[in-house]
């Protein structure tokens, strides 16, 4: 993003501009969903336990990153990314699990 909108970031590498943050949110959601889908595809269990573990790990790592990179202007962004990334992982895993169950 910094190469596409270099003027939108301050000296510390932060941006509070919505046109910059929304594509980042979409990126996070897409790749989190893909991660959930892949996890469900390679899991040996069918109860989505592994997908929920991935979602929990994502929660922990996102919280750590948000604390380390804390900027009060971005509280809404942090909240959205925490909820959306976990939800996308679970949705991606459920999509794969349903398709796998339908084929069985």
N, C-alpha and C. Protein backbone atom coordinates (compact mmCIF):
# COMPACT_ATOMS: atom_id res chain seq x y z
N UNK A 1 0.83 -1.20 0.00
CA UNK A 1 0.00 0.00 0.00
C UNK A 1 0.86 1.25 0.00
N UNK A 2 1.99 1.18 0.67
CA UNK A 2 2.84 2.36 0.74
C UNK A 2 3.38 2.74 -0.63
N UNK A 3 3.58 1.77 -1.49
CA UNK A 3 4.07 2.10 -2.83
C UNK A 3 2.95 2.68 -3.70
N UNK A 4 1.70 2.33 -3.42
CA UNK A 4 0.57 2.85 -4.18
C UNK A 4 0.12 4.22 -3.70
N UNK A 5 0.24 4.47 -2.40
CA UNK A 5 -0.23 5.73 -1.83
C UNK A 5 0.78 6.22 -0.80
N UNK A 6 1.98 6.52 -1.26
CA UNK A 6 3.06 6.91 -0.35
C UNK A 6 2.72 8.15 0.47
N UNK A 7 1.98 9.07 -0.11
CA UNK A 7 1.64 10.31 0.60
C UNK A 7 0.59 10.11 1.68
N UNK A 8 -0.03 8.94 1.72
CA UNK A 8 -1.08 8.68 2.71
C UNK A 8 -0.51 8.19 4.04
N UNK A 9 0.78 7.92 4.10
CA UNK A 9 1.40 7.39 5.30
C UNK A 9 2.29 8.45 5.95
N UNK A 10 2.30 8.46 7.29
CA UNK A 10 3.15 9.41 7.99
C UNK A 10 4.56 8.84 8.14
N UNK A 11 5.43 9.55 8.84
CA UNK A 11 6.83 9.14 9.00
C UNK A 11 6.97 7.81 9.74
N UNK A 12 6.00 7.47 10.58
CA UNK A 12 6.04 6.21 11.33
C UNK A 12 5.42 5.04 10.56
N UNK A 13 4.93 5.29 9.36
CA UNK A 13 4.33 4.24 8.55
C UNK A 13 2.86 4.01 8.80
N UNK A 14 2.20 4.94 9.51
CA UNK A 14 0.78 4.81 9.81
C UNK A 14 -0.05 5.64 8.84
N UNK A 15 -1.25 5.19 8.61
CA UNK A 15 -2.21 5.94 7.83
C UNK A 15 -3.57 5.82 8.50
N UNK A 16 -4.28 6.91 8.59
CA UNK A 16 -5.63 6.86 9.13
C UNK A 16 -6.65 7.21 8.05
N UNK A 17 -6.25 7.11 6.82
CA UNK A 17 -7.12 7.44 5.69
C UNK A 17 -7.94 6.21 5.29
N UNK A 18 -9.23 6.38 5.28
CA UNK A 18 -10.14 5.28 4.97
C UNK A 18 -9.89 4.68 3.58
N UNK A 19 -9.63 5.48 2.53
CA UNK A 19 -9.37 4.86 1.23
C UNK A 19 -8.13 3.95 1.21
N UNK A 20 -7.25 4.10 2.15
CA UNK A 20 -6.08 3.23 2.26
C UNK A 20 -6.42 2.01 3.12
N UNK A 21 -7.18 2.23 4.17
CA UNK A 21 -7.46 1.15 5.13
C UNK A 21 -8.49 0.14 4.63
N UNK A 22 -9.45 0.58 3.83
CA UNK A 22 -10.48 -0.35 3.34
C UNK A 22 -9.88 -1.45 2.46
N UNK A 23 -9.00 -1.14 1.49
CA UNK A 23 -8.39 -2.25 0.75
C UNK A 23 -7.58 -3.19 1.64
N UNK A 24 -6.99 -2.65 2.69
CA UNK A 24 -6.26 -3.50 3.62
C UNK A 24 -7.21 -4.45 4.35
N UNK A 25 -8.38 -3.96 4.71
CA UNK A 25 -9.39 -4.80 5.36
C UNK A 25 -9.86 -5.90 4.42
N UNK A 26 -10.09 -5.56 3.16
CA UNK A 26 -10.52 -6.55 2.16
C UNK A 26 -9.44 -7.61 1.98
N UNK A 27 -8.19 -7.18 1.90
CA UNK A 27 -7.05 -8.09 1.77
C UNK A 27 -7.00 -9.06 2.96
N UNK A 28 -7.14 -8.52 4.15
CA UNK A 28 -7.11 -9.34 5.37
C UNK A 28 -8.24 -10.36 5.34
N UNK A 29 -9.44 -9.94 4.96
CA UNK A 29 -10.59 -10.84 4.93
C UNK A 29 -10.41 -11.94 3.89
N UNK A 30 -9.94 -11.58 2.71
CA UNK A 30 -9.76 -12.58 1.65
C UNK A 30 -8.73 -13.63 2.03
N UNK A 31 -7.59 -13.19 2.54
CA UNK A 31 -6.56 -14.17 2.86
C UNK A 31 -6.86 -14.93 4.14
N UNK A 32 -7.60 -14.35 5.05
CA UNK A 32 -8.03 -15.10 6.24
C UNK A 32 -9.02 -16.18 5.82
N UNK A 33 -9.96 -15.84 4.95
CA UNK A 33 -10.91 -16.83 4.44
C UNK A 33 -10.21 -17.96 3.70
N UNK A 34 -9.22 -17.60 2.89
CA UNK A 34 -8.44 -18.61 2.18
C UNK A 34 -7.69 -19.50 3.17
N UNK A 35 -7.16 -18.91 4.23
CA UNK A 35 -6.48 -19.70 5.26
C UNK A 35 -7.42 -20.68 5.94
N UNK A 36 -8.64 -20.25 6.22
CA UNK A 36 -9.63 -21.16 6.80
C UNK A 36 -10.01 -22.28 5.85
N UNK A 37 -10.14 -21.94 4.58
CA UNK A 37 -10.49 -22.93 3.56
C UNK A 37 -9.38 -23.98 3.44
N UNK A 38 -8.14 -23.53 3.36
CA UNK A 38 -7.00 -24.46 3.24
C UNK A 38 -6.88 -25.32 4.49
N UNK A 39 -7.07 -24.72 5.64
CA UNK A 39 -6.99 -25.47 6.90
C UNK A 39 -8.04 -26.58 6.93
N UNK A 40 -9.26 -26.26 6.52
CA UNK A 40 -10.31 -27.29 6.49
C UNK A 40 -10.00 -28.35 5.44
N UNK A 41 -9.37 -27.95 4.34
CA UNK A 41 -9.06 -28.90 3.28
C UNK A 41 -8.00 -29.91 3.70
N UNK A 42 -7.03 -29.48 4.49
CA UNK A 42 -5.95 -30.39 4.87
C UNK A 42 -6.16 -31.05 6.23
N UNK A 43 -7.20 -30.65 6.94
CA UNK A 43 -7.47 -31.21 8.27
C UNK A 43 -7.92 -32.66 8.16
N UNK A 44 -7.53 -33.43 9.11
CA UNK A 44 -7.95 -34.84 9.15
C UNK A 44 -9.29 -35.00 9.84
N UNK A 45 -9.70 -33.98 10.58
CA UNK A 45 -10.97 -34.01 11.31
C UNK A 45 -12.00 -33.23 10.52
N UNK A 46 -13.26 -33.56 10.71
CA UNK A 46 -14.33 -32.88 9.99
C UNK A 46 -15.13 -31.93 10.87
N UNK A 47 -14.74 -31.79 12.14
CA UNK A 47 -15.53 -30.97 13.07
C UNK A 47 -15.07 -29.51 13.14
N UNK A 48 -14.20 -29.08 12.25
CA UNK A 48 -13.68 -27.71 12.17
C UNK A 48 -12.84 -27.32 13.37
N UNK A 49 -12.39 -28.29 14.15
CA UNK A 49 -11.54 -27.98 15.29
C UNK A 49 -10.29 -27.22 14.85
N UNK A 50 -9.67 -27.66 13.78
CA UNK A 50 -8.45 -27.03 13.30
C UNK A 50 -8.71 -25.61 12.80
N UNK A 51 -9.86 -25.40 12.21
CA UNK A 51 -10.23 -24.06 11.75
C UNK A 51 -10.41 -23.13 12.94
N UNK A 52 -11.04 -23.62 14.00
CA UNK A 52 -11.22 -22.81 15.21
C UNK A 52 -9.88 -22.52 15.88
N UNK A 53 -8.96 -23.47 15.84
CA UNK A 53 -7.63 -23.23 16.39
C UNK A 53 -6.93 -22.13 15.60
N UNK A 54 -7.03 -22.19 14.28
CA UNK A 54 -6.45 -21.14 13.44
C UNK A 54 -7.07 -19.79 13.77
N UNK A 55 -8.38 -19.74 13.94
CA UNK A 55 -9.05 -18.49 14.27
C UNK A 55 -8.56 -17.96 15.63
N UNK A 56 -8.36 -18.84 16.58
CA UNK A 56 -7.84 -18.43 17.88
C UNK A 56 -6.42 -17.90 17.79
N UNK A 57 -5.59 -18.57 17.01
CA UNK A 57 -4.23 -18.09 16.80
C UNK A 57 -4.22 -16.73 16.10
N UNK A 58 -5.12 -16.58 15.14
CA UNK A 58 -5.23 -15.29 14.45
C UNK A 58 -5.64 -14.19 15.43
N UNK A 59 -6.56 -14.49 16.31
CA UNK A 59 -6.97 -13.52 17.33
C UNK A 59 -5.79 -13.10 18.19
N UNK A 60 -5.03 -14.06 18.68
CA UNK A 60 -3.89 -13.75 19.54
C UNK A 60 -2.86 -12.91 18.80
N UNK A 61 -2.51 -13.33 17.60
CA UNK A 61 -1.48 -12.61 16.84
C UNK A 61 -1.95 -11.20 16.43
N UNK A 62 -3.21 -11.07 16.10
CA UNK A 62 -3.74 -9.75 15.74
C UNK A 62 -3.75 -8.84 16.96
N UNK A 63 -4.12 -9.37 18.12
CA UNK A 63 -4.08 -8.57 19.34
C UNK A 63 -2.66 -8.11 19.66
N UNK A 64 -1.70 -9.01 19.52
CA UNK A 64 -0.30 -8.66 19.77
C UNK A 64 0.15 -7.56 18.81
N UNK A 65 -0.15 -7.74 17.52
CA UNK A 65 0.23 -6.73 16.53
C UNK A 65 -0.43 -5.39 16.81
N UNK A 66 -1.70 -5.42 17.21
CA UNK A 66 -2.40 -4.17 17.49
C UNK A 66 -1.83 -3.46 18.70
N UNK A 67 -1.40 -4.20 19.70
CA UNK A 67 -0.79 -3.58 20.87
C UNK A 67 0.57 -2.98 20.49
N UNK A 68 1.35 -3.72 19.73
CA UNK A 68 2.66 -3.23 19.34
C UNK A 68 2.59 -2.03 18.40
N UNK A 69 1.60 -1.99 17.55
CA UNK A 69 1.46 -0.91 16.56
C UNK A 69 0.38 0.08 16.94
N UNK A 70 0.06 0.16 18.21
CA UNK A 70 -1.08 0.95 18.67
C UNK A 70 -1.04 2.40 18.19
N UNK A 71 -2.16 2.82 17.64
CA UNK A 71 -2.38 4.22 17.26
C UNK A 71 -3.86 4.49 17.54
N UNK A 72 -4.13 5.43 18.40
CA UNK A 72 -5.51 5.69 18.83
C UNK A 72 -6.44 6.00 17.66
N UNK A 73 -5.92 6.61 16.60
CA UNK A 73 -6.73 6.94 15.44
C UNK A 73 -7.28 5.69 14.74
N UNK A 74 -6.65 4.56 14.98
CA UNK A 74 -7.00 3.34 14.24
C UNK A 74 -7.79 2.33 15.07
N UNK A 75 -8.36 2.73 16.18
CA UNK A 75 -9.11 1.78 17.01
C UNK A 75 -10.21 1.08 16.23
N UNK A 76 -10.94 1.80 15.39
CA UNK A 76 -12.00 1.18 14.59
C UNK A 76 -11.41 0.13 13.65
N UNK A 77 -10.28 0.43 13.06
CA UNK A 77 -9.61 -0.48 12.14
C UNK A 77 -9.19 -1.76 12.86
N UNK A 78 -8.61 -1.61 14.06
CA UNK A 78 -8.20 -2.77 14.84
C UNK A 78 -9.40 -3.65 15.17
N UNK A 79 -10.49 -3.05 15.59
CA UNK A 79 -11.69 -3.82 15.92
C UNK A 79 -12.24 -4.57 14.72
N UNK A 80 -12.32 -3.89 13.59
CA UNK A 80 -12.83 -4.52 12.37
C UNK A 80 -11.94 -5.68 11.95
N UNK A 81 -10.63 -5.48 11.97
CA UNK A 81 -9.74 -6.55 11.51
C UNK A 81 -9.75 -7.76 12.44
N UNK A 82 -9.91 -7.53 13.74
CA UNK A 82 -9.98 -8.66 14.67
C UNK A 82 -11.22 -9.50 14.38
N UNK A 83 -12.36 -8.86 14.31
CA UNK A 83 -13.61 -9.58 14.10
C UNK A 83 -13.67 -10.19 12.70
N UNK A 84 -13.32 -9.40 11.70
CA UNK A 84 -13.46 -9.87 10.32
C UNK A 84 -12.49 -11.00 9.99
N UNK A 85 -11.27 -10.93 10.49
CA UNK A 85 -10.32 -11.99 10.17
C UNK A 85 -10.76 -13.32 10.78
N UNK A 86 -11.21 -13.29 12.03
CA UNK A 86 -11.68 -14.53 12.64
C UNK A 86 -12.92 -15.07 11.94
N UNK A 87 -13.86 -14.18 11.63
CA UNK A 87 -15.08 -14.61 10.94
C UNK A 87 -14.75 -15.18 9.56
N UNK A 88 -13.84 -14.55 8.84
CA UNK A 88 -13.48 -15.03 7.51
C UNK A 88 -12.84 -16.41 7.57
N UNK A 89 -12.02 -16.65 8.57
CA UNK A 89 -11.40 -17.97 8.73
C UNK A 89 -12.47 -19.03 8.93
N UNK A 90 -13.41 -18.76 9.80
CA UNK A 90 -14.47 -19.74 10.09
C UNK A 90 -15.36 -19.94 8.87
N UNK A 91 -15.72 -18.87 8.19
CA UNK A 91 -16.56 -19.00 6.99
C UNK A 91 -15.83 -19.78 5.91
N UNK A 92 -14.55 -19.48 5.68
CA UNK A 92 -13.77 -20.23 4.69
C UNK A 92 -13.70 -21.70 5.04
N UNK A 93 -13.49 -21.99 6.31
CA UNK A 93 -13.45 -23.39 6.74
C UNK A 93 -14.78 -24.09 6.56
N UNK A 94 -15.86 -23.40 6.87
CA UNK A 94 -17.19 -24.01 6.72
C UNK A 94 -17.53 -24.25 5.25
N UNK A 95 -17.14 -23.33 4.38
CA UNK A 95 -17.39 -23.52 2.94
C UNK A 95 -16.70 -24.78 2.47
N UNK A 96 -15.44 -24.95 2.85
CA UNK A 96 -14.70 -26.14 2.43
C UNK A 96 -15.27 -27.40 3.06
N UNK A 97 -15.65 -27.33 4.33
CA UNK A 97 -16.19 -28.51 5.01
C UNK A 97 -17.52 -28.94 4.38
N UNK A 98 -18.35 -27.99 4.00
CA UNK A 98 -19.63 -28.33 3.36
C UNK A 98 -19.42 -28.95 1.99
N UNK A 99 -18.48 -28.41 1.23
CA UNK A 99 -18.21 -28.98 -0.08
C UNK A 99 -17.62 -30.39 0.04
N UNK A 100 -16.76 -30.57 1.05
CA UNK A 100 -16.20 -31.89 1.29
C UNK A 100 -17.25 -32.89 1.72
N UNK A 101 -18.19 -32.46 2.55
CA UNK A 101 -19.27 -33.35 3.01
C UNK A 101 -20.21 -33.69 1.88
N UNK A 102 -20.44 -32.75 0.97
CA UNK A 102 -21.35 -32.99 -0.14
C UNK A 102 -20.76 -34.01 -1.11
N UNK A 103 -19.43 -34.04 -1.22
CA UNK A 103 -18.75 -34.97 -2.14
C UNK A 103 -18.67 -36.38 -1.57
N UNK A 104 -18.76 -36.49 -0.24
CA UNK A 104 -18.61 -37.81 0.40
C UNK A 104 -19.83 -38.67 0.23
